[in-house]
């Protein structure tokens, strides 16, 4: 996301810029003002005294050009006083007239002030709860949405401005529901980036703090693990585990399986026809043809195997496919559609009920995922030294092994856990998914794990 351009940031930029004008110290200013007033009074009195003396003295003379020494001194003093006044009042006049550089400074300050004002005005686009004014064009569209004349999902295409569409939709929701969305941020997000990609009909966004656990030493490499969560102690406890693993020499991992699944459900007129398709799909001689059809739509998706289950006249076909670095649900779904289209020629009586029949199984606790795996199946191990257990984990080996047996194994069995023989793997998986932009709902099958300990 882009950093929100707020009025505070603009104001901060303004105050952080160096100002060429000298700041005035109040005490020094008062002292300077008093001194100049006193000096002006002296020169003013002296000037008029000298002028009066010269005026009286020169009136008595019949030949004014012949001056005495005192009169010559008085002329010099009056000229000096006049020059002082000229310089004093003249400099004040010059200071009061802006020079081009000063005009530029004032213009820049004006622009800064204008930017701040514009930024504050931009905050008004957050909607009525934050700023109670909307322009006439927006108001007309808002009323149209509230009245049901304009569908909310068409705002982006109709207006051609994703942020404005989000603001109008947000305002319409507030008026329809009578509830304020003041606490939900609107500014600072690139709504263009999600158009046609994810999260339709946005009205704002949610900020989640991201912490870093680690480094985690795994297979000889160090990883910093990003975790987005609002749960207290989750990052701290994960970081403590990383510290214990690192202090003991690190962990090792082995990738056992790597295959994403999608299982459409199809229906036939009879159970025999459903069985015929099952036998066809599971025949090894047919696999290569089906794989070439499946792989047609992707450079990375590669069909690995097909597993079928029958329920009466309904056939559930579980396709397993490698997807490279991607989670690859769209990749798998396209490949599945290719195969279904291909099968329609030999099985024209096949009725495709759904591209997913929940035999995958996606985002739900399921024994098939626990047994067969879905996505990447991994085994990891780490040997934690006794001294590290004492120093970092604040316990001892015997107590830790006993707790794992009674809690993670026996307690989970008593609860009828389905693949949840662990403390809280789902917490860590979900936090990592949120921090890296993955689908947090996938934690259901991704957190299937069993924790085992031995002294």
Protein backbone atom coordinates (compact mmCIF):
# COMPACT_ATOMS: atom_id res chain seq x y z
CA UNK A 1 0.00 0.00 0.00
CA UNK A 2 1.14 3.41 -0.47
CA UNK A 3 1.76 5.66 2.38
CA UNK A 4 -1.28 7.86 3.13
CA UNK A 5 -0.80 11.45 2.07
CA UNK A 6 -2.23 13.09 5.16
CA UNK A 7 -2.44 16.71 6.16
CA UNK A 8 -0.15 15.94 9.06
CA UNK A 9 2.56 14.77 6.69
CA UNK A 10 2.19 17.94 4.65
CA UNK A 11 2.39 20.10 7.73
CA UNK A 12 5.40 18.14 8.91
CA UNK A 13 7.16 18.77 5.60
CA UNK A 14 6.41 22.48 5.96
CA UNK A 15 7.85 22.75 9.45
CA UNK A 16 10.85 20.61 8.63
CA UNK A 17 11.97 22.88 5.78
CA UNK A 18 14.70 25.36 6.73
CA UNK A 19 13.58 28.98 6.97
CA UNK A 20 16.08 31.57 5.78
CA UNK A 21 14.45 34.29 7.86
CA UNK A 22 15.99 34.74 11.28
CA UNK A 23 13.80 33.84 14.21
CA UNK A 24 13.33 36.75 16.61
CA UNK A 25 14.07 36.35 20.29
CA UNK A 26 11.38 38.32 22.22
CA UNK A 27 13.80 39.62 24.89
CA UNK A 28 16.34 40.75 22.31
CA UNK A 29 13.60 42.39 20.24
CA UNK A 30 12.33 44.41 23.21
CA UNK A 31 15.89 45.51 24.11
CA UNK A 32 16.61 46.56 20.52
CA UNK A 33 13.35 48.49 20.29
CA UNK A 34 14.03 50.39 23.55
CA UNK A 35 17.59 51.27 22.49
CA UNK A 36 16.53 52.60 19.09
CA UNK A 37 13.76 54.70 20.68
CA UNK A 38 16.22 56.26 23.15
CA UNK A 39 18.76 56.98 20.38
CA UNK A 40 16.11 58.51 18.13
CA UNK A 41 14.97 60.82 20.95
CA UNK A 42 18.53 62.07 21.51
CA UNK A 43 19.19 62.72 17.81
CA UNK A 44 15.79 64.34 17.34
CA UNK A 45 16.33 66.72 20.25
CA UNK A 46 19.91 67.45 19.17
CA UNK A 47 18.90 68.11 15.56
CA UNK A 48 16.17 70.61 16.37
CA UNK A 49 18.30 72.32 19.00
CA UNK A 50 21.10 72.85 16.48
CA UNK A 51 18.66 74.01 13.80
CA UNK A 52 17.08 76.54 16.20
CA UNK A 53 20.52 77.82 17.23
CA UNK A 54 21.55 78.30 13.61
CA UNK A 55 18.25 79.97 12.75
CA UNK A 56 18.56 82.53 15.60
CA UNK A 57 22.27 83.10 15.01
CA UNK A 58 21.97 83.59 11.26
CA UNK A 59 19.02 86.04 11.63
CA UNK A 60 21.26 88.45 13.57
CA UNK A 61 24.00 88.45 10.93
CA UNK A 62 24.05 90.95 8.08
CA UNK A 63 26.46 88.77 6.14
CA UNK A 64 25.41 85.13 6.84
CA UNK A 65 28.23 83.61 4.80
CA UNK A 66 30.80 84.55 7.42
CA UNK A 67 30.36 81.80 10.05
CA UNK A 68 31.97 81.50 13.42
CA UNK A 69 33.58 78.26 14.59
CA UNK A 70 30.54 77.41 16.74
CA UNK A 71 28.18 78.00 13.85
CA UNK A 72 30.26 75.78 11.56
CA UNK A 73 30.14 72.99 14.19
CA UNK A 74 26.37 73.40 14.44
CA UNK A 75 26.01 73.03 10.65
CA UNK A 76 28.09 69.83 10.70
CA UNK A 77 26.04 68.42 13.60
CA UNK A 78 22.74 69.23 11.88
CA UNK A 79 23.95 67.54 8.69
CA UNK A 80 25.02 64.45 10.66
CA UNK A 81 21.67 64.30 12.42
CA UNK A 82 19.88 64.65 9.10
CA UNK A 83 21.94 61.81 7.59
CA UNK A 84 21.11 59.61 10.62
CA UNK A 85 17.38 60.22 10.21
CA UNK A 86 17.61 59.61 6.48
CA UNK A 87 19.38 56.27 7.00
CA UNK A 88 17.02 55.18 9.79
CA UNK A 89 13.75 55.95 8.07
CA UNK A 90 15.12 55.03 4.66
CA UNK A 91 16.18 51.53 5.84
CA UNK A 92 12.78 50.96 7.39
CA UNK A 93 11.21 51.86 4.06
CA UNK A 94 13.54 49.46 2.22
CA UNK A 95 12.78 46.65 4.71
CA UNK A 96 9.07 47.17 4.20
CA UNK A 97 9.49 46.74 0.40
CA UNK A 98 9.79 43.03 -0.55
CA UNK A 99 12.73 42.07 -2.75
CA UNK A 100 12.31 39.38 -5.41
CA UNK A 101 13.95 36.69 -3.22
CA UNK A 102 11.66 37.55 -0.33
CA UNK A 103 8.70 37.46 -2.67
CA UNK A 104 9.73 33.96 -3.71
CA UNK A 105 9.97 32.95 -0.04
CA UNK A 106 6.52 34.32 0.62
CA UNK A 107 5.20 32.58 -2.49
CA UNK A 108 6.76 29.32 -1.32
CA UNK A 109 5.24 29.76 2.09
CA UNK A 110 1.94 30.44 0.40
CA UNK A 111 2.31 27.27 -1.63
CA UNK A 112 3.14 25.32 1.52
CA UNK A 113 0.08 26.73 3.19
CA UNK A 114 -1.94 25.93 0.07
CA UNK A 115 -0.59 22.35 0.08
CA UNK A 116 -1.56 21.98 3.70
CA UNK A 117 -5.01 23.35 2.97
CA UNK A 118 -5.36 21.05 -0.03
CA UNK A 119 -4.26 18.07 2.06
CA UNK A 120 -6.77 18.92 4.74
CA UNK A 121 -9.40 19.29 2.06
CA UNK A 122 -8.36 15.91 0.67
CA UNK A 123 -9.22 14.41 4.04
CA UNK A 124 -12.78 15.51 3.36
CA UNK A 125 -12.97 12.73 0.79
CA UNK A 126 -13.14 10.29 3.67
CA UNK A 127 -16.85 10.85 3.74
CA UNK A 128 -19.58 12.52 5.81
CA UNK A 129 -18.60 11.07 9.22
CA UNK A 130 -15.13 12.61 8.85
CA UNK A 131 -16.04 15.69 6.80
CA UNK A 132 -19.66 16.60 6.32
CA UNK A 133 -19.44 18.11 2.82
CA UNK A 134 -19.83 16.39 -0.55
CA UNK A 135 -19.91 18.05 -3.93
CA UNK A 136 -23.07 18.09 -6.04
CA UNK A 137 -21.90 15.41 -8.49
CA UNK A 138 -21.03 12.98 -5.70
CA UNK A 139 -24.27 13.73 -3.89
CA UNK A 140 -26.29 12.89 -6.99
CA UNK A 141 -24.53 9.53 -7.40
CA UNK A 142 -24.85 8.75 -3.67
CA UNK A 143 -28.60 9.34 -3.78
CA UNK A 144 -28.84 7.13 -6.86
CA UNK A 145 -27.05 4.28 -5.05
CA UNK A 146 -29.16 4.71 -1.91
CA UNK A 147 -32.34 4.66 -4.01
CA UNK A 148 -31.20 1.46 -5.75
CA UNK A 149 -31.07 3.05 -9.19
CA UNK A 150 -27.29 2.54 -9.54
CA UNK A 151 -25.85 -0.85 -8.48
CA UNK A 152 -22.95 -0.46 -6.06
CA UNK A 153 -20.76 -2.89 -8.02
CA UNK A 154 -20.93 -0.70 -11.15
CA UNK A 155 -19.49 2.44 -9.53
CA UNK A 156 -15.88 1.79 -10.61
CA UNK A 157 -16.79 1.23 -14.26
CA UNK A 158 -19.32 4.09 -14.35
CA UNK A 159 -17.12 6.70 -12.66
CA UNK A 160 -13.69 5.61 -13.90
CA UNK A 161 -12.24 6.53 -10.49
CA UNK A 162 -11.78 3.71 -8.00
CA UNK A 163 -11.13 5.92 -4.98
CA UNK A 164 -14.17 8.10 -5.68
CA UNK A 165 -16.24 4.93 -6.15
CA UNK A 166 -15.10 3.66 -2.74
CA UNK A 167 -15.99 6.99 -1.11
CA UNK A 168 -19.46 7.09 -2.70
CA UNK A 169 -20.14 3.44 -1.81
CA UNK A 170 -18.97 4.07 1.74
CA UNK A 171 -21.24 7.10 2.13
CA UNK A 172 -24.20 5.20 0.66
CA UNK A 173 -23.64 2.32 3.09
CA UNK A 174 -23.58 4.76 6.01
CA UNK A 175 -26.87 6.33 4.94
CA UNK A 176 -28.58 3.01 4.25
CA UNK A 177 -27.49 1.36 7.50
CA UNK A 178 -27.45 4.43 9.70
CA UNK A 179 -24.04 3.32 10.97
CA UNK A 180 -20.81 5.33 10.84
CA UNK A 181 -17.64 3.96 9.20
CA UNK A 182 -15.52 6.69 10.78
CA UNK A 183 -13.03 4.23 12.28
CA UNK A 184 -12.36 2.56 8.92
CA UNK A 185 -9.58 4.32 6.92
CA UNK A 186 -10.27 5.34 3.31
CA UNK A 187 -7.24 7.48 2.42
CA UNK A 188 -3.83 6.03 1.64
CA UNK A 189 -4.79 2.92 -0.32
CA UNK A 190 -4.37 2.19 -4.03
CA UNK A 191 -7.88 1.06 -5.00
CA UNK A 192 -6.84 0.75 -8.64
CA UNK A 193 -4.53 -2.14 -7.71
CA UNK A 194 -7.37 -4.39 -6.51
CA UNK A 195 -9.82 -3.65 -9.33
CA UNK A 196 -10.66 -6.98 -10.95
CA UNK A 197 -8.14 -8.71 -8.69
CA UNK A 198 -9.63 -9.04 -5.22
CA UNK A 199 -12.05 -7.54 -2.68
CA UNK A 200 -14.91 -6.25 -4.79
CA UNK A 201 -16.92 -3.17 -3.75
CA UNK A 202 -14.36 -1.73 -1.25
CA UNK A 203 -15.31 0.94 1.30
CA UNK A 204 -11.91 1.22 3.03
CA UNK A 205 -9.14 -0.96 4.34
CA UNK A 206 -7.93 -2.46 7.62
CA UNK A 207 -4.49 -1.93 9.12
CA UNK A 208 -2.89 -4.92 10.87
CA UNK A 209 0.45 -4.56 12.68
CA UNK A 210 3.24 -6.75 11.30
CA UNK A 211 5.94 -8.14 13.57
CA UNK A 212 9.11 -10.03 12.75
CA UNK A 213 10.08 -13.29 14.46
CA UNK A 214 13.53 -14.75 14.07
CA UNK A 215 15.91 -15.14 12.58
CA UNK A 216 14.91 -18.77 12.15
CA UNK A 217 17.78 -21.07 11.20
CA UNK A 218 16.30 -23.67 8.83
CA UNK A 219 18.28 -25.99 6.56
CA UNK A 220 21.39 -23.88 7.10
CA UNK A 221 19.70 -20.58 6.08
CA UNK A 222 18.37 -17.77 8.23
CA UNK A 223 14.84 -16.48 7.68
CA UNK A 224 13.06 -13.49 9.20
CA UNK A 225 9.42 -14.50 9.59
CA UNK A 226 6.79 -11.74 9.04
CA UNK A 227 3.64 -12.13 11.14
CA UNK A 228 0.54 -9.92 10.91
CA UNK A 229 -1.60 -10.20 14.01
CA UNK A 230 -3.48 -8.28 16.69
CA UNK A 231 -2.97 -11.08 19.24
CA UNK A 232 -0.67 -10.27 22.11
CA UNK A 233 2.38 -12.50 22.74
CA UNK A 234 2.07 -14.47 19.47
CA UNK A 235 5.11 -12.88 17.79
CA UNK A 236 7.02 -12.93 21.09
CA UNK A 237 6.40 -16.64 21.71
CA UNK A 238 7.26 -17.53 18.09
CA UNK A 239 10.42 -15.46 18.35
CA UNK A 240 11.35 -17.32 21.54
CA UNK A 241 10.97 -20.62 19.69
CA UNK A 242 13.18 -19.33 16.86
CA UNK A 243 15.78 -18.29 19.43
CA UNK A 244 15.76 -21.76 21.03
CA UNK A 245 16.13 -23.45 17.63
CA UNK A 246 18.96 -21.13 16.57
CA UNK A 247 20.81 -21.60 19.84
CA UNK A 248 20.68 -25.37 19.33
CA UNK A 249 22.04 -25.41 15.79
CA UNK A 250 18.90 -24.90 13.72
CA UNK A 251 16.15 -27.09 12.28
CA UNK A 252 16.02 -29.39 9.25
CA UNK A 253 13.09 -29.96 6.90
CA UNK A 254 12.09 -32.39 4.16
CA UNK A 255 9.38 -31.78 1.56
CA UNK A 256 7.36 -35.02 1.32
CA UNK A 257 4.57 -34.06 -1.09
CA UNK A 258 3.68 -31.00 -3.14
CA UNK A 259 0.28 -31.15 -4.78
CA UNK A 260 -2.72 -28.81 -4.75
CA UNK A 261 -6.14 -30.43 -5.24
CA UNK A 262 -9.47 -29.67 -6.88
CA UNK A 263 -12.34 -32.17 -6.95
CA UNK A 264 -15.33 -31.54 -9.22
CA UNK A 265 -18.55 -33.49 -8.78
CA UNK A 266 -20.27 -34.99 -11.84
CA UNK A 267 -23.52 -36.95 -12.13
CA UNK A 268 -24.78 -39.71 -14.43
CA UNK A 269 -28.11 -41.34 -15.02
CA UNK A 270 -26.89 -44.56 -13.38
CA UNK A 271 -24.26 -45.60 -10.85
CA UNK A 272 -22.76 -47.96 -13.47
CA UNK A 273 -21.95 -45.04 -15.77
CA UNK A 274 -20.34 -43.21 -12.86
CA UNK A 275 -18.22 -46.31 -12.18
CA UNK A 276 -17.24 -46.52 -15.85
CA UNK A 277 -15.76 -43.01 -15.67
CA UNK A 278 -14.01 -43.86 -12.40
CA UNK A 279 -12.27 -46.86 -13.99
CA UNK A 280 -11.36 -44.77 -17.07
CA UNK A 281 -9.78 -42.01 -14.99
CA UNK A 282 -7.84 -44.39 -12.75
CA UNK A 283 -6.49 -46.48 -15.62
CA UNK A 284 -2.68 -45.86 -15.80
CA UNK A 285 -2.71 -46.11 -19.61
CA UNK A 286 -5.03 -43.10 -19.82
CA UNK A 287 -3.11 -40.89 -17.41
CA UNK A 288 -0.61 -39.45 -19.87
CA UNK A 289 -3.38 -38.30 -22.23
CA UNK A 290 -5.33 -36.73 -19.37
CA UNK A 291 -2.16 -35.06 -18.06
CA UNK A 292 -1.38 -33.45 -21.41
CA UNK A 293 -4.93 -32.08 -21.57
CA UNK A 294 -4.72 -30.84 -17.96
CA UNK A 295 -1.31 -29.18 -18.41
CA UNK A 296 -2.38 -27.28 -21.52
CA UNK A 297 -3.44 -24.12 -19.68
CA UNK A 298 -0.35 -23.53 -17.51
CA UNK A 299 3.44 -23.50 -17.72
CA UNK A 300 3.71 -24.58 -14.07
CA UNK A 301 0.67 -26.75 -13.36
CA UNK A 302 1.48 -30.45 -13.80
CA UNK A 303 -1.08 -33.19 -13.10
CA UNK A 304 0.26 -35.75 -10.62
CA UNK A 305 -2.64 -38.13 -10.00
CA UNK A 306 -6.41 -38.61 -10.04
CA UNK A 307 -8.35 -40.16 -7.16
CA UNK A 308 -12.10 -40.88 -7.40
CA UNK A 309 -14.90 -41.58 -4.93
CA UNK A 310 -18.48 -42.62 -5.77
CA UNK A 311 -21.65 -41.72 -3.91
CA UNK A 312 -24.51 -43.40 -5.81
CA UNK A 313 -24.74 -41.85 -9.29
CA UNK A 314 -22.37 -39.05 -8.31
CA UNK A 315 -18.64 -39.17 -8.95
CA UNK A 316 -16.11 -37.00 -7.08
CA UNK A 317 -12.82 -36.65 -8.98
CA UNK A 318 -9.85 -35.41 -6.91
CA UNK A 319 -7.16 -33.98 -9.18
CA UNK A 320 -3.72 -33.42 -7.60
CA UNK A 321 -1.40 -30.99 -9.36
CA UNK A 322 1.98 -29.35 -8.73
CA UNK A 323 1.80 -25.55 -8.92
CA UNK A 324 5.37 -24.28 -8.57
CA UNK A 325 5.72 -21.43 -6.07
CA UNK A 326 2.06 -20.43 -6.38
CA UNK A 327 -0.77 -21.76 -4.26
CA UNK A 328 -2.39 -22.23 -7.65
CA UNK A 329 -6.13 -22.73 -7.11
CA UNK A 330 -6.98 -20.93 -10.37
CA UNK A 331 -4.25 -22.89 -12.14
CA UNK A 332 -5.71 -26.22 -10.96
CA UNK A 333 -9.30 -25.18 -11.71
CA UNK A 334 -8.43 -24.31 -15.33
CA UNK A 335 -6.71 -27.66 -15.79
CA UNK A 336 -9.72 -29.47 -14.33
CA UNK A 337 -12.02 -27.62 -16.72
CA UNK A 338 -9.83 -28.75 -19.65
CA UNK A 339 -10.19 -32.41 -18.61
CA UNK A 340 -13.95 -32.13 -18.07
CA UNK A 341 -14.35 -30.63 -21.56
CA UNK A 342 -12.23 -33.46 -22.99
CA UNK A 343 -14.26 -36.18 -21.19
CA UNK A 344 -17.52 -34.79 -22.54
CA UNK A 345 -16.73 -36.38 -25.94
CA UNK A 346 -16.57 -39.95 -24.55
CA UNK A 347 -19.10 -39.37 -21.75
CA UNK A 348 -21.75 -37.08 -23.25
CA UNK A 349 -24.22 -38.11 -20.54
CA UNK A 350 -21.94 -36.64 -17.83
CA UNK A 351 -23.53 -33.71 -16.04
CA UNK A 352 -21.02 -31.39 -14.32
CA UNK A 353 -22.65 -30.24 -11.09
CA UNK A 354 -19.78 -28.17 -9.73
CA UNK A 355 -16.12 -27.45 -10.41
CA UNK A 356 -15.59 -28.15 -6.69
CA UNK A 357 -17.49 -30.86 -4.90
CA UNK A 358 -15.72 -30.40 -1.51
CA UNK A 359 -13.76 -33.64 -1.89
CA UNK A 360 -10.70 -31.38 -2.42
CA UNK A 361 -11.21 -30.32 0.45
CA UNK A 362 -10.75 -26.57 0.51
CA UNK A 363 -10.74 -24.45 3.73
CA UNK A 364 -12.51 -27.11 5.78
CA UNK A 365 -11.17 -29.71 8.25
CA UNK A 366 -11.17 -33.00 6.35
CA UNK A 367 -9.64 -36.43 6.90
CA UNK A 368 -8.65 -36.68 3.23
CA UNK A 369 -6.35 -33.68 3.64
CA UNK A 370 -4.93 -35.06 6.90
CA UNK A 371 -4.21 -38.44 5.31
CA UNK A 372 -3.40 -37.57 1.69
CA UNK A 373 -2.09 -34.05 2.19
CA UNK A 374 -3.05 -30.90 0.33
CA UNK A 375 -0.45 -28.43 -0.84
CA UNK A 376 3.00 -28.96 0.64
CA UNK A 377 3.48 -31.77 3.17
CA UNK A 378 6.60 -31.30 5.25
CA UNK A 379 8.40 -32.96 8.18
CA UNK A 380 10.68 -30.80 10.33
CA UNK A 381 12.94 -31.63 13.25
CA UNK A 382 15.12 -29.78 15.73
CA UNK A 383 17.20 -30.98 18.66
CA UNK A 384 16.89 -28.44 21.49
CA UNK A 385 19.73 -28.64 23.98
CA UNK A 386 18.91 -29.05 27.65
CA UNK A 387 20.72 -25.85 28.58
CA UNK A 388 18.66 -23.93 26.00
CA UNK A 389 15.42 -25.42 27.37
CA UNK A 390 16.39 -24.08 30.82
CA UNK A 391 17.67 -20.67 29.68
CA UNK A 392 15.30 -19.75 26.83
CA UNK A 393 12.12 -21.81 27.41
CA UNK A 394 12.29 -21.51 31.23
CA UNK A 395 11.46 -25.17 31.92
CA UNK A 396 13.12 -28.61 31.81
CA UNK A 397 13.11 -31.44 29.28
CA UNK A 398 11.04 -33.93 31.33
CA UNK A 399 8.23 -31.44 32.01
CA UNK A 400 8.15 -30.28 28.39
CA UNK A 401 7.90 -33.84 27.02
CA UNK A 402 5.16 -34.70 29.54
CA UNK A 403 3.15 -31.56 28.65
CA UNK A 404 3.35 -32.36 24.94
CA UNK A 405 2.07 -35.91 25.51
CA UNK A 406 -0.82 -34.90 27.81
CA UNK A 407 -1.85 -31.77 25.91
CA UNK A 408 -0.97 -32.01 22.21
CA UNK A 409 -1.46 -35.79 21.87
CA UNK A 410 -3.84 -37.10 24.56
CA UNK A 411 -5.86 -33.91 25.00
CA UNK A 412 -6.35 -33.53 21.25
CA UNK A 413 -7.44 -37.19 20.99
CA UNK A 414 -9.96 -36.66 23.78
CA UNK A 415 -11.37 -33.73 21.79
CA UNK A 416 -11.59 -35.83 18.62
CA UNK A 417 -9.15 -33.51 16.86
CA UNK A 418 -8.76 -33.95 13.11
CA UNK A 419 -5.11 -33.25 12.40
CA UNK A 420 -4.85 -30.77 15.25
CA UNK A 421 -2.34 -32.56 17.45
CA UNK A 422 -0.40 -29.38 18.16
CA UNK A 423 -0.50 -26.35 20.42
CA UNK A 424 -1.46 -23.53 18.05
CA UNK A 425 0.05 -24.01 14.60
CA UNK A 426 -2.99 -22.27 13.10
CA UNK A 427 -2.04 -19.01 14.85
CA UNK A 428 1.40 -18.87 13.28
CA UNK A 429 0.23 -20.02 9.84
CA UNK A 430 -2.56 -17.42 9.76
CA UNK A 431 -0.24 -14.60 10.87
CA UNK A 432 2.30 -15.47 8.15
CA UNK A 433 -0.47 -15.72 5.52
CA UNK A 434 -1.85 -12.30 6.45
CA UNK A 435 1.63 -10.73 6.37
CA UNK A 436 2.44 -12.19 2.94
CA UNK A 437 -0.92 -11.61 1.22
CA UNK A 438 -2.11 -15.22 1.23
CA UNK A 439 -5.63 -16.52 1.92
CA UNK A 440 -5.93 -16.85 5.72
CA UNK A 441 -8.86 -19.29 5.34
CA UNK A 442 -6.37 -21.86 4.02
CA UNK A 443 -4.97 -22.21 7.54
CA UNK A 444 -7.57 -24.95 8.12
CA UNK A 445 -5.67 -27.57 6.11
CA UNK A 446 -2.29 -25.81 6.27
CA UNK A 447 -2.15 -26.03 10.07
CA UNK A 448 -2.83 -29.78 10.14
CA UNK A 449 0.18 -30.95 12.09
CA UNK A 450 1.30 -33.24 14.88
CA UNK A 451 3.94 -32.19 17.40
CA UNK A 452 6.10 -34.98 18.83
CA UNK A 453 8.80 -34.72 21.51
CA UNK A 454 11.21 -37.14 23.10
CA UNK A 455 13.97 -36.72 25.66
